[in-house]
């Protein structure tokens, strides 16, 4: 038969074992959370950088479209002048 002292010792050992397991699991989870926080930080930095790059590219595209339109208008004007010269000859 197990006396109360043995029973308390057994319960204490089980509690210590459970606490050690809990502490180990807690540290493991803490490391995972820290890793996730680092990944989130990296992704935020990357996202910020990509948004800035997108803004630059959008601006460059707008400038190129404007230049393209200007060149198209000039070419059309030249073609018009050439046709007028051809008809005048």
PDB file of N, CA and C in Angstrom:
ATOM      1  N   UNK A   1       0.835  -1.176   0.000  1.00  0.00           N
ATOM      2  CA  UNK A   1       0.000   0.000   0.000  1.00  0.00           C
ATOM      3  C   UNK A   1       0.893   1.256   0.000  1.00  0.00           C
ATOM      4  N   UNK A   2       0.442   2.307  -0.729  1.00  0.00           N
ATOM      5  CA  UNK A   2       1.204   3.562  -0.838  1.00  0.00           C
ATOM      6  C   UNK A   2       0.763   4.479   0.283  1.00  0.00           C
ATOM      7  N   UNK A   3       1.753   4.943   1.049  1.00  0.00           N
ATOM      8  CA  UNK A   3       1.381   5.868   2.123  1.00  0.00           C
ATOM      9  C   UNK A   3       1.289   7.286   1.577  1.00  0.00           C
ATOM     10  N   UNK A   4       0.853   8.199   2.403  1.00  0.00           N
ATOM     11  CA  UNK A   4       0.599   9.561   1.946  1.00  0.00           C
ATOM     12  C   UNK A   4       1.898  10.281   1.567  1.00  0.00           C
ATOM     13  N   UNK A   5       3.016   9.984   2.193  1.00  0.00           N
ATOM     14  CA  UNK A   5       4.294  10.617   1.854  1.00  0.00           C
ATOM     15  C   UNK A   5       4.732  10.189   0.456  1.00  0.00           C
ATOM     16  N   UNK A   6       4.605   8.875   0.183  1.00  0.00           N
ATOM     17  CA  UNK A   6       4.960   8.383  -1.149  1.00  0.00           C
ATOM     18  C   UNK A   6       4.036   8.986  -2.200  1.00  0.00           C
ATOM     19  N   UNK A   7       2.791   9.097  -1.839  1.00  0.00           N
ATOM     20  CA  UNK A   7       1.805   9.669  -2.752  1.00  0.00           C
ATOM     21  C   UNK A   7       2.142  11.125  -3.052  1.00  0.00           C
ATOM     22  N   UNK A   8       2.510  11.891  -2.026  1.00  0.00           N
ATOM     23  CA  UNK A   8       2.887  13.290  -2.228  1.00  0.00           C
ATOM     24  C   UNK A   8       4.161  13.400  -3.062  1.00  0.00           C
ATOM     25  N   UNK A   9       5.131  12.530  -2.797  1.00  0.00           N
ATOM     26  CA  UNK A   9       6.367  12.543  -3.583  1.00  0.00           C
ATOM     27  C   UNK A   9       6.076  12.259  -5.056  1.00  0.00           C
ATOM     28  N   UNK A  10       5.234  11.275  -5.271  1.00  0.00           N
ATOM     29  CA  UNK A  10       4.865  10.920  -6.646  1.00  0.00           C
ATOM     30  C   UNK A  10       4.167  12.094  -7.342  1.00  0.00           C
ATOM     31  N   UNK A  11       3.237  12.699  -6.647  1.00  0.00           N
ATOM     32  CA  UNK A  11       2.511  13.853  -7.207  1.00  0.00           C
ATOM     33  C   UNK A  11       3.474  15.004  -7.470  1.00  0.00           C
ATOM     34  N   UNK A  12       4.398  15.244  -6.550  1.00  0.00           N
ATOM     35  CA  UNK A  12       5.386  16.317  -6.729  1.00  0.00           C
ATOM     36  C   UNK A  12       6.266  16.055  -7.956  1.00  0.00           C
ATOM     37  N   UNK A  13       6.721  14.800  -8.111  1.00  0.00           N
ATOM     38  CA  UNK A  13       7.556  14.456  -9.270  1.00  0.00           C
ATOM     39  C   UNK A  13       6.775  14.629 -10.576  1.00  0.00           C
ATOM     40  N   UNK A  14       5.533  14.216 -10.555  1.00  0.00           N
ATOM     41  CA  UNK A  14       4.697  14.364 -11.751  1.00  0.00           C
ATOM     42  C   UNK A  14       4.480  15.846 -12.072  1.00  0.00           C
ATOM     43  N   UNK A  15       4.255  16.648 -11.050  1.00  0.00           N
ATOM     44  CA  UNK A  15       4.052  18.085 -11.244  1.00  0.00           C
ATOM     45  C   UNK A  15       5.328  18.729 -11.792  1.00  0.00           C
ATOM     46  N   UNK A  16       6.484  18.340 -11.267  1.00  0.00           N
ATOM     47  CA  UNK A  16       7.752  18.874 -11.756  1.00  0.00           C
ATOM     48  C   UNK A  16       7.975  18.478 -13.210  1.00  0.00           C
ATOM     49  N   UNK A  17       7.655  17.225 -13.519  1.00  0.00           N
ATOM     50  CA  UNK A  17       7.802  16.741 -14.889  1.00  0.00           C
ATOM     51  C   UNK A  17       6.877  17.512 -15.830  1.00  0.00           C
ATOM     52  N   UNK A  18       5.648  17.731 -15.392  1.00  0.00           N
ATOM     53  CA  UNK A  18       4.701  18.485 -16.209  1.00  0.00           C
ATOM     54  C   UNK A  18       5.159  19.932 -16.378  1.00  0.00           C
ATOM     55  N   UNK A  19       5.690  20.511 -15.298  1.00  0.00           N
ATOM     56  CA  UNK A  19       6.196  21.885 -15.381  1.00  0.00           C
ATOM     57  C   UNK A  19       7.375  21.971 -16.336  1.00  0.00           C
ATOM     58  N   UNK A  20       8.270  20.990 -16.285  1.00  0.00           N
ATOM     59  CA  UNK A  20       9.427  20.982 -17.180  1.00  0.00           C
ATOM     60  C   UNK A  20       8.967  20.847 -18.630  1.00  0.00           C
ATOM     61  N   UNK A  21       8.015  19.975 -18.859  1.00  0.00           N
ATOM     62  CA  UNK A  21       7.471  19.797 -20.210  1.00  0.00           C
ATOM     63  C   UNK A  21       6.798  21.081 -20.678  1.00  0.00           C
ATOM     64  N   UNK A  22       6.030  21.685 -19.806  1.00  0.00           N
ATOM     65  CA  UNK A  22       5.345  22.935 -20.127  1.00  0.00           C
ATOM     66  C   UNK A  22       6.364  24.032 -20.448  1.00  0.00           C
ATOM     67  N   UNK A  23       7.404  24.156 -19.639  1.00  0.00           N
ATOM     68  CA  UNK A  23       8.446  25.173 -19.866  1.00  0.00           C
ATOM     69  C   UNK A  23       9.137  24.943 -21.210  1.00  0.00           C
ATOM     70  N   UNK A  24       9.444  23.675 -21.496  1.00  0.00           N
ATOM     71  CA  UNK A  24      10.096  23.342 -22.755  1.00  0.00           C
ATOM     72  C   UNK A  24       9.192  23.733 -23.930  1.00  0.00           C
ATOM     73  N   UNK A  25       7.934  23.384 -23.865  1.00  0.00           N
ATOM     74  CA  UNK A  25       6.983  23.700 -24.923  1.00  0.00           C
ATOM     75  C   UNK A  25       6.806  25.218 -25.056  1.00  0.00           C
ATOM     76  N   UNK A  26       6.770  25.894 -23.928  1.00  0.00           N
ATOM     77  CA  UNK A  26       6.640  27.351 -23.934  1.00  0.00           C
ATOM     78  C   UNK A  26       7.843  27.995 -24.619  1.00  0.00           C
ATOM     79  N   UNK A  27       9.049  27.538 -24.338  1.00  0.00           N
ATOM     80  CA  UNK A  27      10.259  28.078 -24.966  1.00  0.00           C
ATOM     81  C   UNK A  27      10.254  27.791 -26.470  1.00  0.00           C
ATOM     82  N   UNK A  28       9.795  26.595 -26.838  1.00  0.00           N
ATOM     83  CA  UNK A  28       9.716  26.237 -28.251  1.00  0.00           C
ATOM     84  C   UNK A  28       8.738  27.173 -28.978  1.00  0.00           C
ATOM     85  N   UNK A  29       7.588  27.405 -28.373  1.00  0.00           N
ATOM     86  CA  UNK A  29       6.600  28.297 -28.969  1.00  0.00           C
ATOM     87  C   UNK A  29       7.112  29.737 -29.036  1.00  0.00           C
ATOM     88  N   UNK A  30       7.833  30.140 -28.013  1.00  0.00           N
ATOM     89  CA  UNK A  30       8.397  31.490 -27.983  1.00  0.00           C
ATOM     90  C   UNK A  30       9.372  31.682 -29.150  1.00  0.00           C
ATOM     91  N   UNK A  31      10.193  30.665 -29.412  1.00  0.00           N
ATOM     92  CA  UNK A  31      11.128  30.737 -30.532  1.00  0.00           C
ATOM     93  C   UNK A  31      10.377  30.823 -31.854  1.00  0.00           C
ATOM     94  N   UNK A  32       9.307  30.071 -31.989  1.00  0.00           N
ATOM     95  CA  UNK A  32       8.516  30.106 -33.223  1.00  0.00           C
ATOM     96  C   UNK A  32       7.861  31.471 -33.412  1.00  0.00           C
ATOM     97  N   UNK A  33       7.334  32.030 -32.332  1.00  0.00           N
ATOM     98  CA  UNK A  33       6.710  33.360 -32.410  1.00  0.00           C
ATOM     99  C   UNK A  33       7.758  34.400 -32.797  1.00  0.00           C
ATOM    100  N   UNK A  34       8.947  34.312 -32.195  1.00  0.00           N
ATOM    101  CA  UNK A  34      10.023  35.245 -32.543  1.00  0.00           C
ATOM    102  C   UNK A  34      10.380  35.131 -34.025  1.00  0.00           C
ATOM    103  N   UNK A  35      10.448  33.894 -34.526  1.00  0.00           N
ATOM    104  CA  UNK A  35      10.762  33.682 -35.939  1.00  0.00           C
ATOM    105  C   UNK A  35       9.663  34.279 -36.820  1.00  0.00           C
ATOM    106  N   UNK A  36       8.414  34.103 -36.430  1.00  0.00           N
ATOM    107  CA  UNK A  36       7.305  34.662 -37.200  1.00  0.00           C
ATOM    108  C   UNK A  36       7.335  36.183 -37.182  1.00  0.00           C
ATOM    109  N   UNK A  37       7.681  36.763 -36.063  1.00  0.00           N
ATOM    110  CA  UNK A  37       7.784  38.232 -35.972  1.00  0.00           C
ATOM    111  C   UNK A  37       8.876  38.725 -36.920  1.00  0.00           C
ATOM    112  N   UNK A  38      10.009  38.021 -36.964  1.00  0.00           N
ATOM    113  CA  UNK A  38      11.092  38.414 -37.878  1.00  0.00           C
ATOM    114  C   UNK A  38      10.623  38.315 -39.338  1.00  0.00           C
ATOM    115  N   UNK A  39       9.921  37.246 -39.660  1.00  0.00           N
ATOM    116  CA  UNK A  39       9.411  37.086 -41.029  1.00  0.00           C
ATOM    117  C   UNK A  39       8.430  38.209 -41.355  1.00  0.00           C
ATOM    118  N   UNK A  40       7.547  38.537 -40.427  1.00  0.00           N
ATOM    119  CA  UNK A  40       6.591  39.639 -40.643  1.00  0.00           C
ATOM    120  C   UNK A  40       7.320  40.952 -40.872  1.00  0.00           C
ATOM    121  N   UNK A  41       8.349  41.203 -40.082  1.00  0.00           N
ATOM    122  CA  UNK A  41       9.135  42.432 -40.258  1.00  0.00           C
ATOM    123  C   UNK A  41       9.780  42.473 -41.641  1.00  0.00           C
ATOM    124  N   UNK A  42      10.357  41.338 -42.047  1.00  0.00           N
ATOM    125  CA  UNK A  42      10.992  41.267 -43.366  1.00  0.00           C
ATOM    126  C   UNK A  42       9.959  41.489 -44.472  1.00  0.00           C
ATOM    127  N   UNK A  43       8.797  40.875 -44.322  1.00  0.00           N
ATOM    128  CA  UNK A  43       7.754  41.025 -45.333  1.00  0.00           C
ATOM    129  C   UNK A  43       7.241  42.461 -45.396  1.00  0.00           C
ATOM    130  N   UNK A  44       7.138  43.115 -44.257  1.00  0.00           N
ATOM    131  CA  UNK A  44       6.713  44.520 -44.247  1.00  0.00           C
ATOM    132  C   UNK A  44       7.738  45.395 -44.963  1.00  0.00           C
ATOM    133  N   UNK A  45       9.027  45.141 -44.699  1.00  0.00           N
ATOM    134  CA  UNK A  45      10.082  45.897 -45.376  1.00  0.00           C
ATOM    135  C   UNK A  45      10.033  45.660 -46.884  1.00  0.00           C
ATOM    136  N   UNK A  46       9.879  44.392 -47.258  1.00  0.00           N
ATOM    137  CA  UNK A  46       9.812  44.043 -48.677  1.00  0.00           C
ATOM    138  C   UNK A  46       8.580  44.685 -49.325  1.00  0.00           C
ATOM    139  N   UNK A  47       7.461  44.635 -48.635  1.00  0.00           N
ATOM    140  CA  UNK A  47       6.231  45.222 -49.160  1.00  0.00           C
ATOM    141  C   UNK A  47       6.383  46.731 -49.352  1.00  0.00           C
ATOM    142  N   UNK A  48       6.985  47.380 -48.390  1.00  0.00           N
ATOM    143  CA  UNK A  48       7.218  48.833 -48.475  1.00  0.00           C
ATOM    144  C   UNK A  48       8.111  49.140 -49.688  1.00  0.00           C
ATOM    145  N   UNK A  49       9.162  48.343 -49.839  1.00  0.00           N
ATOM    146  CA  UNK A  49      10.078  48.535 -50.953  1.00  0.00           C
ATOM    147  C   UNK A  49       9.373  48.310 -52.291  1.00  0.00           C
ATOM    148  N   UNK A  50       8.549  47.274 -52.365  1.00  0.00           N
ATOM    149  CA  UNK A  50       7.831  46.978 -53.603  1.00  0.00           C
ATOM    150  C   UNK A  50       6.822  48.076 -53.938  1.00  0.00           C
ATOM    151  N   UNK A  51       6.177  48.627 -52.931  1.00  0.00           N
ATOM    152  CA  UNK A  51       5.235  49.723 -53.171  1.00  0.00           C
ATOM    153  C   UNK A  51       5.964  50.950 -53.706  1.00  0.00           C
ATOM    154  N   UNK A  52       7.142  51.242 -53.140  1.00  0.00           N
ATOM    155  CA  UNK A  52       7.924  52.373 -53.629  1.00  0.00           C
ATOM    156  C   UNK A  52       8.348  52.139 -55.077  1.00  0.00           C
ATOM    157  N   UNK A  53       8.769  50.917 -55.351  1.00  0.00           N
ATOM    158  CA  UNK A  53       9.190  50.580 -56.719  1.00  0.00           C
ATOM    159  C   UNK A  53       8.005  50.692 -57.677  1.00  0.00           C
ATOM    160  N   UNK A  54       6.851  50.253 -57.237  1.00  0.00           N
ATOM    161  CA  UNK A  54       5.654  50.350 -58.065  1.00  0.00           C
ATOM    162  C   UNK A  54       5.319  51.816 -58.350  1.00  0.00           C
ATOM    163  N   UNK A  55       5.451  52.662 -57.339  1.00  0.00           N
ATOM    164  CA  UNK A  55       5.197  54.095 -57.540  1.00  0.00           C
ATOM    165  C   UNK A  55       6.147  54.678 -58.582  1.00  0.00           C
ATOM    166  N   UNK A  56       7.428  54.300 -58.498  1.00  0.00           N
ATOM    167  CA  UNK A  56       8.420  54.789 -59.453  1.00  0.00           C
ATOM    168  C   UNK A  56       8.071  54.305 -60.858  1.00  0.00           C
ATOM    169  N   UNK A  57       7.749  53.019 -60.978  1.00  0.00           N
ATOM    170  CA  UNK A  57       7.428  52.460 -62.291  1.00  0.00           C
ATOM    171  C   UNK A  57       6.150  53.073 -62.869  1.00  0.00           C
ATOM    172  N   UNK A  58       5.179  53.331 -62.018  1.00  0.00           N
ATOM    173  CA  UNK A  58       3.933  53.961 -62.471  1.00  0.00           C
ATOM    174  C   UNK A  58       4.218  55.366 -63.008  1.00  0.00           C
ATOM    175  N   UNK A  59       5.067  56.079 -62.299  1.00  0.00           N
ATOM    176  CA  UNK A  59       5.437  57.427 -62.742  1.00  0.00           C
ATOM    177  C   UNK A  59       6.209  57.362 -64.062  1.00  0.00           C
ATOM    178  N   UNK A  60       7.161  56.438 -64.162  1.00  0.00           N
ATOM    179  CA  UNK A  60       7.927  56.289 -65.400  1.00  0.00           C
ATOM    180  C   UNK A  60       7.002  55.922 -66.561  1.00  0.00           C
ATOM    181  N   UNK A  61       6.054  55.055 -66.311  1.00  0.00           N
ATOM    182  CA  UNK A  61       5.098  54.640 -67.352  1.00  0.00           C
ATOM    183  C   UNK A  61       4.290  55.840 -67.837  1.00  0.00           C
ATOM    184  N   UNK A  62       3.819  56.654 -66.884  1.00  0.00           N
ATOM    185  CA  UNK A  62       3.043  57.841 -67.257  1.00  0.00           C
ATOM    186  C   UNK A  62       3.889  58.778 -68.127  1.00  0.00           C
ATOM    187  N   UNK A  63       5.160  58.958 -67.751  1.00  0.00           N
ATOM    188  CA  UNK A  63       6.054  59.820 -68.541  1.00  0.00           C
ATOM    189  C   UNK A  63       6.264  59.249 -69.940  1.00  0.00           C
ATOM    190  N   UNK A  64       6.455  57.931 -70.016  1.00  0.00           N
ATOM    191  CA  UNK A  64       6.670  57.303 -71.321  1.00  0.00           C
ATOM    192  C   UNK A  64       5.420  57.389 -72.189  1.00  0.00           C
ATOM    193  N   UNK A  65       4.263  57.213 -71.583  1.00  0.00           N
ATOM    194  CA  UNK A  65       3.020  57.345 -72.351  1.00  0.00           C
ATOM    195  C   UNK A  65       2.859  58.764 -72.895  1.00  0.00           C
ATOM    196  N   UNK A  66       3.208  59.739 -72.058  1.00  0.00           N
ATOM    197  CA  UNK A  66       3.116  61.136 -72.492  1.00  0.00           C
ATOM    198  C   UNK A  66       4.089  61.407 -73.644  1.00  0.00           C
ATOM    199  N   UNK A  67       5.325  60.929 -73.504  1.00  0.00           N
ATOM    200  CA  UNK A  67       6.309  61.119 -74.574  1.00  0.00           C
ATOM    201  C   UNK A  67       5.866  60.408 -75.846  1.00  0.00           C
ATOM    202  N   UNK A  68       5.322  59.214 -75.680  1.00  0.00           N
ATOM    203  CA  UNK A  68       4.849  58.449 -76.835  1.00  0.00           C
ATOM    204  C   UNK A  68       3.749  59.218 -77.568  1.00  0.00           C
ATOM    205  N   UNK A  69       2.855  59.807 -76.814  1.00  0.00           N
ATOM    206  CA  UNK A  69       1.768  60.594 -77.411  1.00  0.00           C
ATOM    207  C   UNK A  69       2.329  61.808 -78.139  1.00  0.00           C
ATOM    208  N   UNK A  70       3.332  62.463 -77.545  1.00  0.00           N
ATOM    209  CA  UNK A  70       3.954  63.626 -78.190  1.00  0.00           C
ATOM    210  C   UNK A  70       4.629  63.226 -79.501  1.00  0.00           C
ATOM    211  N   UNK A  71       5.338  62.107 -79.481  1.00  0.00           N
ATOM    212  CA  UNK A  71       6.019  61.628 -80.689  1.00  0.00           C
ATOM    213  C   UNK A  71       4.992  61.249 -81.749  1.00  0.00           C
ATOM    214  N   UNK A  72       3.920  60.582 -81.334  1.00  0.00           N
ATOM    215  CA  UNK A  72       2.876  60.198 -82.286  1.00  0.00           C
ATOM    216  C   UNK A  72       2.288  61.440 -82.964  1.00  0.00           C
ATOM    217  N   UNK A  73       2.022  62.462 -82.173  1.00  0.00           N
ATOM    218  CA  UNK A  73       1.457  63.695 -82.731  1.00  0.00           C
ATOM    219  C   UNK A  73       2.438  64.345 -83.706  1.00  0.00           C
ATOM    220  N   UNK A  74       3.719  64.344 -83.377  1.00  0.00           N
ATOM    221  CA  UNK A  74       4.725  64.937 -84.262  1.00  0.00           C
ATOM    222  C   UNK A  74       4.840  64.152 -85.562  1.00  0.00           C
ATOM    223  N   UNK A  75       4.810  62.812 -85.456  1.00  0.00           N
ATOM    224  CA  UNK A  75       4.906  61.974 -86.653  1.00  0.00           C
ATOM    225  C   UNK A  75       3.681  62.201 -87.539  1.00  0.00           C
ATOM    226  N   UNK A  76       2.515  62.254 -86.926  1.00  0.00           N
ATOM    227  CA  UNK A  76       1.301  62.503 -87.701  1.00  0.00           C
ATOM    228  C   UNK A  76       1.376  63.872 -88.387  1.00  0.00           C
ATOM    229  N   UNK A  77       1.911  64.862 -87.691  1.00  0.00           N
ATOM    230  CA  UNK A  77       2.052  66.201 -88.289  1.00  0.00           C
ATOM    231  C   UNK A  77       3.018  66.150 -89.465  1.00  0.00           C
ATOM    232  N   UNK A  78       4.117  65.413 -89.314  1.00  0.00           N
ATOM    233  CA  UNK A  78       5.082  65.283 -90.416  1.00  0.00           C
ATOM    234  C   UNK A  78       4.451  64.594 -91.615  1.00  0.00           C
ATOM    235  N   UNK A  79       3.691  63.549 -91.345  1.00  0.00           N
ATOM    236  CA  UNK A  79       3.030  62.832 -92.433  1.00  0.00           C
ATOM    237  C   UNK A  79       2.061  63.767 -93.147  1.00  0.00           C
ATOM    238  N   UNK A  80       1.340  64.552 -92.358  1.00  0.00           N
ATOM    239  CA  UNK A  80       0.413  65.527 -92.955  1.00  0.00           C
ATOM    240  C   UNK A  80       1.144  66.520 -93.828  1.00  0.00           C
ATOM    241  N   UNK A  81       2.272  67.023 -93.359  1.00  0.00           N
ATOM    242  CA  UNK A  81       3.057  67.985 -94.152  1.00  0.00           C
ATOM    243  C   UNK A  81       3.607  67.337 -95.426  1.00  0.00           C
ATOM    244  N   UNK A  82       4.069  66.098 -95.311  1.00  0.00           N
ATOM    245  CA  UNK A  82       4.588  65.390 -96.490  1.00  0.00           C
ATOM    246  C   UNK A  82       3.493  65.177 -97.532  1.00  0.00           C
ATOM    247  N   UNK A  83       2.312  64.802 -97.070  1.00  0.00           N
ATOM    248  CA  UNK A  83       1.189  64.617 -97.995  1.00  0.00           C
ATOM    249  C   UNK A  83       0.818  65.939 -98.671  1.00  0.00           C
ATOM    250  N   UNK A  84       0.864  67.021 -97.912  1.00  0.00           N
ATOM    251  CA  UNK A  84       0.547  68.337 -98.454  1.00  0.00           C
ATOM    252  C   UNK A  84       1.584  68.737 -99.489  1.00  0.00           C
ATOM    253  N   UNK A  85       2.857  68.446 -99.195  1.00  0.00           N
ATOM    254  CA  UNK A  85       3.933  68.768-100.137  1.00  0.00           C
ATOM    255  C   UNK A  85       3.763  67.932-101.400  1.00  0.00           C
ATOM    256  N   UNK A  86       3.408  66.682-101.229  1.00  0.00           N
ATOM    257  CA  UNK A  86       3.246  65.775-102.367  1.00  0.00           C
ATOM    258  C   UNK A  86       2.107  66.251-103.254  1.00  0.00           C
ATOM    259  N   UNK A  87       1.025  66.696-102.650  1.00  0.00           N
ATOM    260  CA  UNK A  87      -0.131  67.143-103.421  1.00  0.00           C
ATOM    261  C   UNK A  87       0.148  68.502-104.079  1.00  0.00           C
ATOM    262  N   UNK A  88       1.038  69.262-103.488  1.00  0.00           N
ATOM    263  CA  UNK A  88       1.379  70.586-104.040  1.00  0.00           C
ATOM    264  C   UNK A  88       2.309  70.479-105.222  1.00  0.00           C
ATOM    265  N   UNK A  89       2.947  69.358-105.355  1.00  0.00           N
ATOM    266  CA  UNK A  89       3.924  69.244-106.464  1.00  0.00           C
ATOM    267  C   UNK A  89       3.283  68.879-107.764  1.00  0.00           C
TER     268      UNK A  89
END
